Amino acid sequence: MAYEFKASRRIQFADTDMAGIVHFANFFRFMEETEHEFYRSLGFAGHFSGPRGTLGWPRLSARCDYRKPLRFEDVVEIHLLVRAKEEKSLLLDFIFRKQSRDGLQVVAAGALKVVCVRVCEETGRMSSIPIPPEISARIEAAPSRMLESP
């Protein structure tokens, strides 16, 4: 069972704003990309069709707190931790660290609360459902010692 995942990416020019730093909204895109890589590492997609219909993980809440800027060509590590796993939802923490002369430096921290849903084929309406057992069995909450503020 997994409770963490790490991804890294190099900041592209298109990620930056007129001040030359990563635009705040891109941190949410980076969190979503890391979330989907986490799911793929466990053998399933973040949005997929299966025997139970089309399943997905819409957001119930999202936040990001910024500490230091990221700039073009910086390499950032994005560390996902499963803070909580409930019957129908996951609370995911994200810690952004960039490589510096002194090692990894925390530049931002964020969180997503996502809920498992089934999408009705006929109407497109979503209904929350318990996380399917084959997915739930692969995910667990991180130990509390790992969830301290960065």
C-alpha atoms as a PDB file:
ATOM      1  CA  MET A   1       0.000   0.000   0.000  1.00  0.00           C
ATOM      2  CA  ALA A   2       1.247   3.473  -0.876  1.00  0.00           C
ATOM      3  CA  TYR A   3       0.949   6.766   0.971  1.00  0.00           C
ATOM      4  CA  GLU A   4       3.525   8.906  -0.836  1.00  0.00           C
ATOM      5  CA  PHE A   5       4.882   9.698  -4.261  1.00  0.00           C
ATOM      6  CA  LYS A   6       7.597  12.034  -5.507  1.00  0.00           C
ATOM      7  CA  ALA A   7       7.860  13.657  -8.917  1.00  0.00           C
ATOM      8  CA  SER A   8      10.214  16.280 -10.246  1.00  0.00           C
ATOM      9  CA  ARG A   9       9.996  18.707 -13.105  1.00  0.00           C
ATOM     10  CA  ARG A  10      12.054  21.467 -14.635  1.00  0.00           C
ATOM     11  CA  ILE A  11      10.271  24.806 -14.764  1.00  0.00           C
ATOM     12  CA  GLN A  12       9.568  25.818 -18.344  1.00  0.00           C
ATOM     13  CA  PHE A  13       9.418  29.386 -19.622  1.00  0.00           C
ATOM     14  CA  ALA A  14       5.681  28.942 -20.268  1.00  0.00           C
ATOM     15  CA  ASP A  15       5.188  28.242 -16.525  1.00  0.00           C
ATOM     16  CA  THR A  16       6.373  31.754 -15.613  1.00  0.00           C
ATOM     17  CA  ASP A  17       4.626  35.119 -15.487  1.00  0.00           C
ATOM     18  CA  MET A  18       5.794  38.612 -16.459  1.00  0.00           C
ATOM     19  CA  ALA A  19       7.855  38.811 -13.250  1.00  0.00           C
ATOM     20  CA  GLY A  20       9.798  35.710 -14.320  1.00  0.00           C
ATOM     21  CA  ILE A  21       8.433  33.482 -11.568  1.00  0.00           C
ATOM     22  CA  VAL A  22       6.052  30.541 -11.743  1.00  0.00           C
ATOM     23  CA  HIS A  23       2.475  31.824 -11.969  1.00  0.00           C
ATOM     24  CA  PHE A  24       0.554  30.883  -8.815  1.00  0.00           C
ATOM     25  CA  ALA A  25      -2.085  28.899 -10.733  1.00  0.00           C
ATOM     26  CA  ASN A  26       0.554  26.548 -12.154  1.00  0.00           C
ATOM     27  CA  PHE A  27       1.160  25.094  -8.700  1.00  0.00           C
ATOM     28  CA  PHE A  28      -2.370  23.653  -8.889  1.00  0.00           C
ATOM     29  CA  ARG A  29      -1.562  22.131 -12.293  1.00  0.00           C
ATOM     30  CA  PHE A  30       1.638  20.645 -10.857  1.00  0.00           C
ATOM     31  CA  MET A  31      -0.341  19.140  -7.949  1.00  0.00           C
ATOM     32  CA  GLU A  32      -2.840  17.586 -10.347  1.00  0.00           C
ATOM     33  CA  GLU A  33      -0.095  16.179 -12.583  1.00  0.00           C
ATOM     34  CA  THR A  34       1.605  14.623  -9.536  1.00  0.00           C
ATOM     35  CA  GLU A  35      -1.711  13.228  -8.283  1.00  0.00           C
ATOM     36  CA  HIS A  36      -2.297  11.494 -11.630  1.00  0.00           C
ATOM     37  CA  GLU A  37       1.279  10.142 -11.715  1.00  0.00           C
ATOM     38  CA  PHE A  38       0.638   8.726  -8.220  1.00  0.00           C
ATOM     39  CA  TYR A  39      -2.479   6.921  -9.453  1.00  0.00           C
ATOM     40  CA  ARG A  40      -0.627   5.594 -12.523  1.00  0.00           C
ATOM     41  CA  SER A  41       2.185   4.308 -10.265  1.00  0.00           C
ATOM     42  CA  LEU A  42      -0.492   2.229  -8.494  1.00  0.00           C
ATOM     43  CA  GLY A  43      -1.815   0.786 -11.746  1.00  0.00           C
ATOM     44  CA  PHE A  44      -4.896   2.875 -12.489  1.00  0.00           C
ATOM     45  CA  ALA A  45      -5.783   6.208 -14.069  1.00  0.00           C
ATOM     46  CA  GLY A  46      -7.280   9.225 -12.350  1.00  0.00           C
ATOM     47  CA  HIS A  47     -10.270   9.121 -14.707  1.00  0.00           C
ATOM     48  CA  PHE A  48     -11.239   5.809 -16.233  1.00  0.00           C
ATOM     49  CA  SER A  49     -14.059   3.594 -17.434  1.00  0.00           C
ATOM     50  CA  GLY A  50     -14.448   0.179 -15.922  1.00  0.00           C
ATOM     51  CA  PRO A  51     -17.060  -2.346 -14.833  1.00  0.00           C
ATOM     52  CA  ARG A  52     -18.548   0.237 -12.426  1.00  0.00           C
ATOM     53  CA  GLY A  53     -18.860   2.887 -15.162  1.00  0.00           C
ATOM     54  CA  THR A  54     -16.742   6.013 -15.558  1.00  0.00           C
ATOM     55  CA  LEU A  55     -14.942   6.975 -12.358  1.00  0.00           C
ATOM     56  CA  GLY A  56     -13.141  10.195 -11.491  1.00  0.00           C
ATOM     57  CA  TRP A  57     -11.796  12.334  -8.644  1.00  0.00           C
ATOM     58  CA  PRO A  58     -13.226  15.880  -8.693  1.00  0.00           C
ATOM     59  CA  ARG A  59     -11.965  18.405  -6.164  1.00  0.00           C
ATOM     60  CA  LEU A  60     -13.823  19.296  -2.991  1.00  0.00           C
ATOM     61  CA  SER A  61     -11.154  21.809  -1.979  1.00  0.00           C
ATOM     62  CA  ALA A  62      -7.738  23.048  -3.088  1.00  0.00           C
ATOM     63  CA  ARG A  63      -5.182  25.331  -1.484  1.00  0.00           C
ATOM     64  CA  CYS A  64      -1.562  26.339  -1.884  1.00  0.00           C
ATOM     65  CA  ASP A  65       0.679  28.461   0.357  1.00  0.00           C
ATOM     66  CA  TYR A  66       3.717  30.066  -1.258  1.00  0.00           C
ATOM     67  CA  ARG A  67       7.020  30.696   0.528  1.00  0.00           C
ATOM     68  CA  LYS A  68       9.661  31.360  -2.118  1.00  0.00           C
ATOM     69  CA  PRO A  69       9.503  31.844  -5.888  1.00  0.00           C
ATOM     70  CA  LEU A  70      10.295  29.252  -8.515  1.00  0.00           C
ATOM     71  CA  ARG A  71      11.912  30.517 -11.708  1.00  0.00           C
ATOM     72  CA  PHE A  72      12.618  29.342 -15.244  1.00  0.00           C
ATOM     73  CA  GLU A  73      14.998  26.317 -15.273  1.00  0.00           C
ATOM     74  CA  ASP A  74      14.573  25.571 -11.539  1.00  0.00           C
ATOM     75  CA  VAL A  75      14.074  21.886 -10.795  1.00  0.00           C
ATOM     76  CA  VAL A  76      11.300  21.280  -8.285  1.00  0.00           C
ATOM     77  CA  GLU A  77      10.482  18.107  -6.391  1.00  0.00           C
ATOM     78  CA  ILE A  78       6.783  17.632  -5.667  1.00  0.00           C
ATOM     79  CA  HIS A  79       6.163  15.306  -2.731  1.00  0.00           C
ATOM     80  CA  LEU A  80       2.615  13.932  -2.437  1.00  0.00           C
ATOM     81  CA  LEU A  81       1.500  12.506   0.915  1.00  0.00           C
ATOM     82  CA  VAL A  82      -1.910  10.955   1.611  1.00  0.00           C
ATOM     83  CA  ARG A  83      -2.961  12.845   4.750  1.00  0.00           C
ATOM     84  CA  ALA A  84      -6.272  10.994   5.110  1.00  0.00           C
ATOM     85  CA  LYS A  85      -8.230   8.253   3.381  1.00  0.00           C
ATOM     86  CA  GLU A  86     -11.936   8.147   4.050  1.00  0.00           C
ATOM     87  CA  GLU A  87     -14.641   5.908   2.597  1.00  0.00           C
ATOM     88  CA  LYS A  88     -15.218   8.165  -0.430  1.00  0.00           C
ATOM     89  CA  SER A  89     -12.401  10.706  -0.391  1.00  0.00           C
ATOM     90  CA  LEU A  90      -8.685  11.370  -0.105  1.00  0.00           C
ATOM     91  CA  LEU A  91      -6.900  14.359   1.406  1.00  0.00           C
ATOM     92  CA  LEU A  92      -3.585  14.835  -0.390  1.00  0.00           C
ATOM     93  CA  ASP A  93      -0.753  17.074   0.827  1.00  0.00           C
ATOM     94  CA  PHE A  94       1.902  18.420  -1.539  1.00  0.00           C
ATOM     95  CA  ILE A  95       5.295  19.808  -0.569  1.00  0.00           C
ATOM     96  CA  PHE A  96       7.255  21.668  -3.249  1.00  0.00           C
ATOM     97  CA  ARG A  97      11.032  21.728  -2.817  1.00  0.00           C
ATOM     98  CA  LYS A  98      13.640  23.212  -5.131  1.00  0.00           C
ATOM     99  CA  GLN A  99      17.262  22.262  -5.347  1.00  0.00           C
ATOM    100  CA  SER A 100      19.539  24.946  -3.922  1.00  0.00           C
ATOM    101  CA  ARG A 101      23.176  25.156  -2.825  1.00  0.00           C
ATOM    102  CA  ASP A 102      22.038  24.120   0.651  1.00  0.00           C
ATOM    103  CA  GLY A 103      20.028  21.105  -0.546  1.00  0.00           C
ATOM    104  CA  LEU A 104      16.275  20.955  -0.980  1.00  0.00           C
ATOM    105  CA  GLN A 105      14.404  24.101   0.087  1.00  0.00           C
ATOM    106  CA  VAL A 106      10.626  24.213   0.679  1.00  0.00           C
ATOM    107  CA  VAL A 107       9.059  26.785  -1.661  1.00  0.00           C
ATOM    108  CA  ALA A 108       5.338  25.947  -1.340  1.00  0.00           C
ATOM    109  CA  ALA A 109       2.862  23.577   0.300  1.00  0.00           C
ATOM    110  CA  GLY A 110      -0.599  22.681  -0.904  1.00  0.00           C
ATOM    111  CA  ALA A 111      -3.485  20.268  -0.480  1.00  0.00           C
ATOM    112  CA  LEU A 112      -6.312  18.746  -2.480  1.00  0.00           C
ATOM    113  CA  LYS A 113      -9.384  17.012  -1.122  1.00  0.00           C
ATOM    114  CA  VAL A 114     -10.759  14.726  -3.814  1.00  0.00           C
ATOM    115  CA  VAL A 115     -13.850  12.528  -3.857  1.00  0.00           C
ATOM    116  CA  CYS A 116     -14.392   9.341  -5.839  1.00  0.00           C
ATOM    117  CA  VAL A 117     -17.396   9.636  -8.162  1.00  0.00           C
ATOM    118  CA  ARG A 118     -19.228   7.619 -10.769  1.00  0.00           C
ATOM    119  CA  VAL A 119     -20.404   9.509 -13.839  1.00  0.00           C
ATOM    120  CA  CYS A 120     -23.813   8.496 -15.215  1.00  0.00           C
ATOM    121  CA  GLU A 121     -23.394   7.613 -18.906  1.00  0.00           C
ATOM    122  CA  GLU A 122     -26.829   8.967 -19.878  1.00  0.00           C
ATOM    123  CA  THR A 123     -26.961  12.244 -17.944  1.00  0.00           C
ATOM    124  CA  GLY A 124     -23.318  13.025 -17.172  1.00  0.00           C
ATOM    125  CA  ARG A 125     -24.328  13.524 -13.524  1.00  0.00           C
ATOM    126  CA  MET A 126     -21.764  12.590 -10.864  1.00  0.00           C
ATOM    127  CA  SER A 127     -22.498  10.661  -7.677  1.00  0.00           C
ATOM    128  CA  SER A 128     -19.978  10.101  -4.905  1.00  0.00           C
ATOM    129  CA  ILE A 129     -19.222   6.444  -4.270  1.00  0.00           C
ATOM    130  CA  PRO A 130     -17.020   4.487  -1.880  1.00  0.00           C
ATOM    131  CA  ILE A 131     -13.499   4.156  -3.243  1.00  0.00           C
ATOM    132  CA  PRO A 132     -13.543   0.817  -5.107  1.00  0.00           C
ATOM    133  CA  PRO A 133     -11.852  -1.961  -3.076  1.00  0.00           C
ATOM    134  CA  GLU A 134      -9.223  -2.634  -5.757  1.00  0.00           C
ATOM    135  CA  ILE A 135      -8.133   1.032  -5.504  1.00  0.00           C
ATOM    136  CA  SER A 136      -8.614   1.444  -1.758  1.00  0.00           C
ATOM    137  CA  ALA A 137      -6.397  -1.593  -1.132  1.00  0.00           C
ATOM    138  CA  ARG A 138      -3.479   0.213  -2.827  1.00  0.00           C
ATOM    139  CA  ILE A 139      -3.685   3.494  -0.861  1.00  0.00           C
ATOM    140  CA  GLU A 140      -3.199   4.220   2.827  1.00  0.00           C
ATOM    141  CA  ALA A 141      -2.790   7.324   4.962  1.00  0.00           C
ATOM    142  CA  ALA A 142       0.771   8.393   5.681  1.00  0.00           C
ATOM    143  CA  PRO A 143       2.134   7.877   9.198  1.00  0.00           C
ATOM    144  CA  SER A 144       1.484  10.951  11.350  1.00  0.00           C
ATOM    145  CA  ARG A 145       5.246  11.565  11.801  1.00  0.00           C
ATOM    146  CA  MET A 146       5.453  12.318   8.062  1.00  0.00           C
ATOM    147  CA  LEU A 147       2.636  14.866   8.141  1.00  0.00           C
ATOM    148  CA  GLU A 148       4.349  17.566  10.164  1.00  0.00           C
ATOM    149  CA  SER A 149       4.388  21.003   8.571  1.00  0.00           C
ATOM    150  CA  PRO A 150       7.356  21.505   6.231  1.00  0.00           C
END
